[in-house]
C-alpha atoms as a PDB file:
ATOM      1  CA  MET A   1       0.282  -0.093   0.414  1.00  0.00           C
ATOM      2  CA  SER A   2       1.568   3.312  -0.933  1.00  0.00           C
ATOM      3  CA  GLY A   3       2.114   6.201   1.306  1.00  0.00           C
ATOM      4  CA  GLY A   4      -0.428   8.445   0.010  1.00  0.00           C
ATOM      5  CA  VAL A   5      -3.487   5.593   0.575  1.00  0.00           C
ATOM      6  CA  VAL A   6      -2.141   4.943   3.666  1.00  0.00           C
ATOM      7  CA  CYS A   7      -2.201   8.849   4.321  1.00  0.00           C
ATOM      8  CA  PHE A   8      -5.377   9.084   3.170  1.00  0.00           C
ATOM      9  CA  GLY A   9      -6.882   6.245   5.139  1.00  0.00           C
ATOM     10  CA  VAL A  10      -6.008   7.454   8.573  1.00  0.00           C
ATOM     11  CA  ALA A  11      -7.294  11.032   7.345  1.00  0.00           C
ATOM     12  CA  VAL A  12     -10.655   9.754   6.774  1.00  0.00           C
ATOM     13  CA  LEU A  13     -10.589   7.335   9.998  1.00  0.00           C
ATOM     14  CA  ALA A  14      -9.378  10.962  12.286  1.00  0.00           C
ATOM     15  CA  ILE A  15     -12.484  12.790  10.814  1.00  0.00           C
ATOM     16  CA  SER A  16     -14.844  10.175  11.360  1.00  0.00           C
ATOM     17  CA  VAL A  17     -13.485  10.235  14.796  1.00  0.00           C
ATOM     18  CA  VAL A  18     -14.375  13.833  15.234  1.00  0.00           C
ATOM     19  CA  ALA A  19     -17.434  13.568  12.507  1.00  0.00           C
ATOM     20  CA  GLY A  20     -18.669  11.133  15.161  1.00  0.00           C
ATOM     21  CA  ALA A  21     -18.190  13.275  17.950  1.00  0.00           C
ATOM     22  CA  VAL A  22     -19.529  16.676  16.244  1.00  0.00           C
ATOM     23  CA  ALA A  23     -23.254  14.397  15.626  1.00  0.00           C
ATOM     24  CA  GLY A  24     -23.046  13.957  19.535  1.00  0.00           C
ATOM     25  CA  TRP A  25     -23.215  17.318  19.890  1.00  0.00           C
ATOM     26  CA  PHE A  26     -25.889  17.939  17.527  1.00  0.00           C
ATOM     27  CA  ALA A  27     -28.093  15.367  19.232  1.00  0.00           C
ATOM     28  CA  GLY A  28     -27.501  16.237  22.761  1.00  0.00           C
ATOM     29  CA  ARG A  29     -28.351  19.854  21.639  1.00  0.00           C
ATOM     30  CA  ALA A  30     -31.795  18.550  20.177  1.00  0.00           C
ATOM     31  CA  GLY A  31     -32.319  17.124  23.638  1.00  0.00           C
ATOM     32  CA  ALA A  32     -30.758  13.094  22.604  1.00  0.00           C
ATOM     33  CA  ARG A  33     -30.127  12.860  26.632  1.00  0.00           C
ATOM     34  CA  ALA A  34     -28.764   9.101  25.364  1.00  0.00           C
ATOM     35  CA  VAL A  35     -25.545  10.753  23.599  1.00  0.00           C
ATOM     36  CA  VAL A  36     -23.754  12.026  27.151  1.00  0.00           C
ATOM     37  CA  THR A  37     -23.603   9.690  29.643  1.00  0.00           C
ATOM     38  CA  ARG A  38     -22.393  10.297  33.156  1.00  0.00           C
ATOM     39  CA  THR A  39     -20.234   7.444  33.391  1.00  0.00           C
ATOM     40  CA  THR A  40     -19.754   7.639  37.357  1.00  0.00           C
ATOM     41  CA  ALA A  41     -23.207   6.789  37.627  1.00  0.00           C
ATOM     42  CA  GLY A  42     -24.338   5.018  34.583  1.00  0.00           C
ATOM     43  CA  THR A  43     -27.035   7.628  34.095  1.00  0.00           C
ATOM     44  CA  ASP A  44     -26.968  10.789  31.722  1.00  0.00           C
ATOM     45  CA  GLU A  45     -28.679  13.016  34.448  1.00  0.00           C
ATOM     46  CA  PRO A  46     -26.365  15.802  35.839  1.00  0.00           C
ATOM     47  CA  PRO A  47     -25.191  15.099  39.937  1.00  0.00           C
ATOM     48  CA  ASP A  48     -27.617  15.536  42.458  1.00  0.00           C
ATOM     49  CA  ASP A  49     -26.867  18.343  43.674  1.00  0.00           C
ATOM     50  CA  TRP A  50     -26.477  20.316  40.103  1.00  0.00           C
ATOM     51  CA  PRO A  51     -28.983  23.851  39.907  1.00  0.00           C
ATOM     52  CA  ALA A  52     -31.819  22.509  37.361  1.00  0.00           C
ATOM     53  CA  SER A  53     -32.255  25.490  35.744  1.00  0.00           C
ATOM     54  CA  GLY A  54     -30.740  28.564  35.438  1.00  0.00           C
ATOM     55  CA  ALA A  55     -26.253  29.497  35.591  1.00  0.00           C
ATOM     56  CA  GLY A  56     -24.770  26.673  35.409  1.00  0.00           C
ATOM     57  CA  GLY A  57     -28.433  24.231  35.063  1.00  0.00           C
ATOM     58  CA  THR A  58     -28.827  20.507  33.322  1.00  0.00           C
ATOM     59  CA  SER A  59     -28.249  22.394  29.969  1.00  0.00           C
ATOM     60  CA  ASP A  60     -24.949  23.887  30.983  1.00  0.00           C
ATOM     61  CA  TRP A  61     -24.152  20.613  32.712  1.00  0.00           C
ATOM     62  CA  ARG A  62     -25.100  18.703  29.599  1.00  0.00           C
ATOM     63  CA  ASP A  63     -23.042  21.411  26.989  1.00  0.00           C
ATOM     64  CA  ALA A  64     -20.267  20.780  29.654  1.00  0.00           C
ATOM     65  CA  ALA A  65     -20.683  16.733  29.149  1.00  0.00           C
ATOM     66  CA  ILE A  66     -20.473  17.096  25.177  1.00  0.00           C
ATOM     67  CA  ALA A  67     -18.121  19.579  24.856  1.00  0.00           C
ATOM     68  CA  GLY A  68     -15.418  17.170  27.086  1.00  0.00           C
ATOM     69  CA  ALA A  69     -16.818  13.993  25.082  1.00  0.00           C
ATOM     70  CA  MET A  70     -15.839  16.463  21.595  1.00  0.00           C
ATOM     71  CA  ASN A  71     -12.491  16.822  22.850  1.00  0.00           C
ATOM     72  CA  ARG A  72     -11.448  13.328  24.009  1.00  0.00           C
ATOM     73  CA  ALA A  73     -12.515  12.705  20.089  1.00  0.00           C
ATOM     74  CA  ARG A  74      -9.917  14.970  19.054  1.00  0.00           C
ATOM     75  CA  GLU A  75      -7.377  13.709  20.908  1.00  0.00           C
ATOM     76  CA  GLU A  76      -8.408  10.269  19.113  1.00  0.00           C
ATOM     77  CA  ALA A  77      -7.815  11.921  16.273  1.00  0.00           C
ATOM     78  CA  LEU A  78      -4.812  13.480  17.369  1.00  0.00           C
ATOM     79  CA  LYS A  79      -3.099   9.402  18.741  1.00  0.00           C
ATOM     80  CA  ILE A  80      -4.572   7.750  15.288  1.00  0.00           C
ATOM     81  CA  ARG A  81      -2.489  10.318  13.517  1.00  0.00           C
ATOM     82  CA  ASP A  82       0.664  10.212  15.373  1.00  0.00           C
ATOM     83  CA  ALA A  83       0.775   6.406  15.399  1.00  0.00           C
ATOM     84  CA  SER A  84       0.617   6.415  11.614  1.00  0.00           C
ATOM     85  CA  ASN A  85       3.543   9.228  11.541  1.00  0.00           C
ATOM     86  CA  LEU A  86       5.213   6.636  13.748  1.00  0.00           C
ATOM     87  CA  SER A  87       4.231   3.485  11.608  1.00  0.00           C
ATOM     88  CA  GLN A  88       5.743   4.850   8.066  1.00  0.00           C
ATOM     89  CA  ILE A  89       9.003   6.207   9.639  1.00  0.00           C
ATOM     90  CA  ALA A  90       9.241   2.436  10.778  1.00  0.00           C
ATOM     91  CA  LYS A  91       8.425   1.498   6.747  1.00  0.00           C
ATOM     92  CA  GLY A  92      10.528   4.369   6.027  1.00  0.00           C
ATOM     93  CA  ALA A  93      14.071   2.594   7.834  1.00  0.00           C
ATOM     94  CA  ASN A  94      12.680  -0.456   6.566  1.00  0.00           C
ATOM     95  CA  ALA A  95      13.239   0.174   2.803  1.00  0.00           C
ATOM     96  CA  TYR A  96      16.577   1.485   3.867  1.00  0.00           C
ATOM     97  CA  LEU A  97      17.402  -2.156   5.158  1.00  0.00           C
ATOM     98  CA  LEU A  98      16.617  -3.411   1.164  1.00  0.00           C
ATOM     99  CA  LYS A  99      17.221   0.234  -0.568  1.00  0.00           C
ATOM    100  CA  PHE A 100      20.987   1.244   0.866  1.00  0.00           C
ATOM    101  CA  GLY A 101      21.756  -1.119   3.865  1.00  0.00           C
ATOM    102  CA  ASN A 102      22.327  -4.866   1.468  1.00  0.00           C
ATOM    103  CA  ASN A 103      19.424  -6.113   3.309  1.00  0.00           C
ATOM    104  CA  GLU A 104      21.505  -6.542   6.739  1.00  0.00           C
ATOM    105  CA  SER A 105      21.659  -3.065   8.127  1.00  0.00           C
ATOM    106  CA  TYR A 106      19.596  -0.021   9.356  1.00  0.00           C
ATOM    107  CA  PRO A 107      20.516   3.956   9.355  1.00  0.00           C
ATOM    108  CA  LEU A 108      22.242   5.368  12.072  1.00  0.00           C
ATOM    109  CA  SER A 109      19.527   7.933  12.988  1.00  0.00           C
ATOM    110  CA  MET A 110      15.498   8.678  12.013  1.00  0.00           C
ATOM    111  CA  GLN A 111      17.017  11.919  10.493  1.00  0.00           C
ATOM    112  CA  GLU A 112      19.212   9.788   7.783  1.00  0.00           C
ATOM    113  CA  ILE A 113      16.004   8.500   7.089  1.00  0.00           C
ATOM    114  CA  TYR A 114      14.540  11.404   5.955  1.00  0.00           C
ATOM    115  CA  GLU A 115      17.480  12.603   4.147  1.00  0.00           C
ATOM    116  CA  ARG A 116      17.918   9.313   1.915  1.00  0.00           C
ATOM    117  CA  GLY A 117      14.201  10.823   0.635  1.00  0.00           C
ATOM    118  CA  ILE A 118      12.503   7.782   1.821  1.00  0.00           C
ATOM    119  CA  THR A 119      10.045   9.496   4.091  1.00  0.00           C
ATOM    120  CA  PRO A 120      11.001  12.928   3.288  1.00  0.00           C
ATOM    121  CA  GLU A 121       7.812  14.584   4.356  1.00  0.00           C
ATOM    122  CA  PRO A 122       8.684  16.747   7.259  1.00  0.00           C
ATOM    123  CA  LYS A 123       6.033  16.295   8.527  1.00  0.00           C
ATOM    124  CA  LEU A 124       5.767  12.772   9.080  1.00  0.00           C
ATOM    125  CA  TYR A 125       8.767  13.170  12.369  1.00  0.00           C
ATOM    126  CA  LEU A 126       6.533  15.780  14.296  1.00  0.00           C
ATOM    127  CA  LYS A 127       3.578  15.235  16.559  1.00  0.00           C
ATOM    128  CA  PRO A 128      -0.070  15.892  15.466  1.00  0.00           C
ATOM    129  CA  GLY A 129      -0.715  19.388  16.452  1.00  0.00           C
ATOM    130  CA  SER A 130       2.806  19.949  17.530  1.00  0.00           C
ATOM    131  CA  SER A 131       4.558  23.536  18.337  1.00  0.00           C
ATOM    132  CA  THR A 132       7.808  22.632  17.123  1.00  0.00           C
ATOM    133  CA  GLU A 133       9.246  24.721  13.794  1.00  0.00           C
ATOM    134  CA  VAL A 134      10.810  23.269  11.121  1.00  0.00           C
ATOM    135  CA  LYS A 135      13.223  25.872   9.515  1.00  0.00           C
ATOM    136  CA  ALA A 136      13.378  24.868   5.451  1.00  0.00           C
ATOM    137  CA  GLY A 137      15.768  22.508   5.256  1.00  0.00           C
ATOM    138  CA  LYS A 138      16.570  21.693   8.513  1.00  0.00           C
ATOM    139  CA  PHE A 139      15.603  18.309  10.205  1.00  0.00           C
ATOM    140  CA  ALA A 140      13.360  18.296  13.075  1.00  0.00           C
ATOM    141  CA  THR A 141      11.673  15.662  14.567  1.00  0.00           C
ATOM    142  CA  ASP A 142       8.934  15.045  18.063  1.00  0.00           C
ATOM    143  CA  TYR A 143      10.255  11.204  18.702  1.00  0.00           C
ATOM    144  CA  ASP A 144      13.069   9.014  20.333  1.00  0.00           C
ATOM    145  CA  CYS A 145      14.385   6.648  18.270  1.00  0.00           C
ATOM    146  CA  ILE A 146      16.797   4.076  19.036  1.00  0.00           C
ATOM    147  CA  LEU A 147      18.695   4.135  16.318  1.00  0.00           C
ATOM    148  CA  ASP A 148      19.821   7.716  17.466  1.00  0.00           C
ATOM    149  CA  ARG A 149      20.692   6.076  20.494  1.00  0.00           C
ATOM    150  CA  VAL A 150      22.540   2.999  19.253  1.00  0.00           C
ATOM    151  CA  GLY A 151      25.097   5.077  18.127  1.00  0.00           C
ATOM    152  CA  LYS A 152      26.830   2.501  15.403  1.00  0.00           C
ATOM    153  CA  LYS A 153      24.374   0.822  12.291  1.00  0.00           C
ATOM    154  CA  VAL A 154      22.100  -1.733  13.641  1.00  0.00           C
ATOM    155  CA  SER A 155      21.597  -5.233  12.153  1.00  0.00           C
ATOM    156  CA  GLU A 156      18.482  -7.089  10.799  1.00  0.00           C
ATOM    157  CA  SER A 157      19.053  -9.731  13.148  1.00  0.00           C
ATOM    158  CA  ASP A 158      19.390  -7.879  15.850  1.00  0.00           C
ATOM    159  CA  ALA A 159      16.036  -5.475  15.358  1.00  0.00           C
ATOM    160  CA  THR A 160      13.872  -8.134  16.156  1.00  0.00           C
ATOM    161  CA  PRO A 161       9.987  -7.384  16.456  1.00  0.00           C
ATOM    162  CA  ASP A 162      10.040  -7.100  19.729  1.00  0.00           C
ATOM    163  CA  VAL A 163      12.613  -4.409  19.980  1.00  0.00           C
ATOM    164  CA  PRO A 164      10.973  -0.321  19.743  1.00  0.00           C
ATOM    165  CA  MET A 165      12.497   1.546  16.923  1.00  0.00           C
ATOM    166  CA  ALA A 166      10.370   4.870  17.674  1.00  0.00           C
ATOM    167  CA  TRP A 167       8.201   6.389  20.241  1.00  0.00           C
ATOM    168  CA  ASP A 168       6.441   9.988  21.436  1.00  0.00           C
ATOM    169  CA  LYS A 169       8.693  12.474  23.495  1.00  0.00           C
ATOM    170  CA  VAL A 170       6.236  13.889  25.005  1.00  0.00           C
ATOM    171  CA  SER A 171       3.087  11.929  26.480  1.00  0.00           C
ATOM    172  CA  PHE A 172      -0.371  12.709  25.878  1.00  0.00           C
ATOM    173  CA  PRO A 173      -2.827  14.169  27.859  1.00  0.00           C
ATOM    174  CA  ASP A 174      -3.525  10.773  29.695  1.00  0.00           C
ATOM    175  CA  SER A 175      -0.133   9.782  30.101  1.00  0.00           C
ATOM    176  CA  GLY A 176       0.410   7.202  27.444  1.00  0.00           C
ATOM    177  CA  ARG A 177       2.450   7.703  24.023  1.00  0.00           C
ATOM    178  CA  ASN A 178       2.465   5.882  20.968  1.00  0.00           C
ATOM    179  CA  VAL A 179       5.901   2.961  20.326  1.00  0.00           C
ATOM    180  CA  VAL A 180       6.672   1.776  17.101  1.00  0.00           C
ATOM    181  CA  PHE A 181       8.321  -1.608  16.562  1.00  0.00           C
ATOM    182  CA  PHE A 182      10.283  -2.610  13.785  1.00  0.00           C
ATOM    183  CA  ASP A 183       8.332  -4.257  12.017  1.00  0.00           C
ATOM    184  CA  SER A 184       6.294  -1.189  11.957  1.00  0.00           C
ATOM    185  CA  HIS A 185       3.141  -2.418  14.311  1.00  0.00           C
ATOM    186  CA  VAL A 186       1.866   0.666  16.959  1.00  0.00           C
ATOM    187  CA  GLU A 187       0.676   0.262  20.359  1.00  0.00           C
ATOM    188  CA  TYR A 188      -0.111   2.413  22.885  1.00  0.00           C
ATOM    189  CA  MET A 189       0.723   2.126  25.833  1.00  0.00           C
ATOM    190  CA  LEU A 190       0.647   3.997  29.605  1.00  0.00           C
ATOM    191  CA  PRO A 191       3.221   4.858  31.981  1.00  0.00           C
ATOM    192  CA  GLY A 192       3.606   1.413  33.663  1.00  0.00           C
ATOM    193  CA  GLN A 193       3.980  -0.188  30.020  1.00  0.00           C
ATOM    194  CA  PHE A 194       6.334   2.243  28.439  1.00  0.00           C
ATOM    195  CA  GLU A 195       8.500   2.512  31.654  1.00  0.00           C
ATOM    196  CA  GLU A 196       9.139  -0.906  31.914  1.00  0.00           C
ATOM    197  CA  LEU A 197       9.465  -0.778  27.987  1.00  0.00           C
ATOM    198  CA  MET A 198      12.606   1.643  28.596  1.00  0.00           C
ATOM    199  CA  LYS A 199      13.976  -0.687  31.126  1.00  0.00           C
ATOM    200  CA  LYS A 200      14.039  -3.547  28.202  1.00  0.00           C
ATOM    201  CA  THR A 201      14.900  -0.619  25.645  1.00  0.00           C
ATOM    202  CA  GLU A 202      17.972   0.388  27.605  1.00  0.00           C
ATOM    203  CA  ALA A 203      19.423  -2.717  28.231  1.00  0.00           C
ATOM    204  CA  TRP A 204      19.113  -3.586  24.088  1.00  0.00           C
ATOM    205  CA  VAL A 205      20.971  -0.443  23.305  1.00  0.00           C
ATOM    206  CA  LYS A 206      23.596  -1.279  25.850  1.00  0.00           C
ATOM    207  CA  ALA A 207      24.521  -4.817  24.240  1.00  0.00           C
ATOM    208  CA  MET A 208      24.225  -3.577  21.168  1.00  0.00           C
ATOM    209  CA  GLN A 209      26.967  -0.868  21.995  1.00  0.00           C
ATOM    210  CA  GLU A 210      29.051  -3.460  23.288  1.00  0.00           C
ATOM    211  CA  LYS A 211      28.360  -5.813  20.443  1.00  0.00           C
ATOM    212  CA  LYS A 212      31.804  -6.201  17.845  1.00  0.00           C
END
């Protein structure tokens, strides 16, 4: 599947997520109270101590709940786009392996994938919604990459599917991060999982650096 088709598919999926939230907003405004549920009590009713009318009344509560649902939908859309970026970067590393690495070694860094023109779109290396500025002709990224940490070329045999290739430098609001592995699959990890993975990653990097 071409990069353009992948990007189009991800864009459609992200738009559908936000569109669903917008549809929920209109339904809520029309009085479809089932659109927004109060998860703590299993009902769409506001708390017992919430004013019934006037400022801060039931209508305001419902508007606030709908706005919260839309914010969550937007965040999920950003996670989907972020995962797509990381997956395409990993696919670029594997393309490098075939084209420039004699099917034996990966590039020295993420930047080399970009400079070789395999995945030349600068925005792919930035987290969606990022404020990172990219100057013309300069490489910038919001992702950490294991290739940069090793400091020498990693062989294809050492980069097993359970080894992470890149991940978000900064977590999402729920403290989770996307992590892409050498086989291009992406996993979303919360702090406990991510910290455990990083311990294993540090040990792997050390082993690669000491390997002759």
